[in-house]
Amino acid sequence: MTRRLVLASNNRGKLEELQQLFAPLGLELVRQAELGIPEAEEPFRTFLENALAKARHAAAASGLPAIADDAGLCVEAFGGQPGVDTAYYATRFGYPKGDAHNVRALLEQMAGVQDRRAALVSTLVAVRTADDPEPLVAVGRAAGEITRAPVGDGGFGFDPVMFLPQLGKTFAQLPPEEKNAHSHRGQAARQMVRLLRERWL
C-alpha cells in the first residue's frame, strides 16, 4: 500500500491533529487542496454518510487511498443539532461562517437553556479506492457541557465552550497532547490507526 493518504479536508487544524495521531503508522497525510481537489458535496444528514462521500470523492480524484472526517457538535437541548451543519451554524443567525461566530451564536441560542449537555462527535472513514466495498469506519464522542462564556485560547471550533467535567477544563485549556487523548477526533483516530494496522498495512 502507498504510504500517502489523501485527507479529504482543507482544515489545517484537522490536518495537524490527524498527522500527529497517524505518525506511528509512517503514513503521510496530504490535504486534498495540495492536489488541486475541490471539496466534495455534503448533502447528507449524518456524519457517516458525509464522511464516506468526502473520502470517495478524494480517492476518485487522486487515485490514492483517502480518509475523511465529518464532525460536529450535538447539543442535547436542540435534539442533536447543529450536527452535520456545525460548520455553518452561525449563518443561520445572520453571522458570517467562522469559529468565533459559531461560538457566539451558540452561546446566544443557549442563553436561557438549563440543560447544557452536548457532545463533539467525529466520524472517520477511510477507503482504498472510490469504490472500496469495505470502508474503514471509526467514531469518537466527547461528551461534556457548554459553558456560558468561552474559556481558554487553544484549539479551534467549539473548544473554548466545550467543558469536560472529568477534567474540569474546556478543550481550549488543554495542551495538544491532552486534547488528543480526550477529544472526539483523538478517539476516532486511535480507532482508525488500529483498523489501518489490522486491515491495510
Foldseek 3Di string as FASTA:
>chain_A
DDLEAEELDPDPLLQVLLCVLLVVVSHHYHYLVVVVQDHFDQPDQAFVVSQLRSQLSSQAVPVAKYKYKQKAKQFVVVVGPPHSCQQVCLVVVPDGGFQVSSLVVVLVVCVPPPRFKMKIKMWMWIAGHSVRPDIDIFMFIAIAGFANDFDAQADTHSQRGGARVVVRHGLRNDDSVVSLVRHGSNRRSNVVSVVCVVPPD
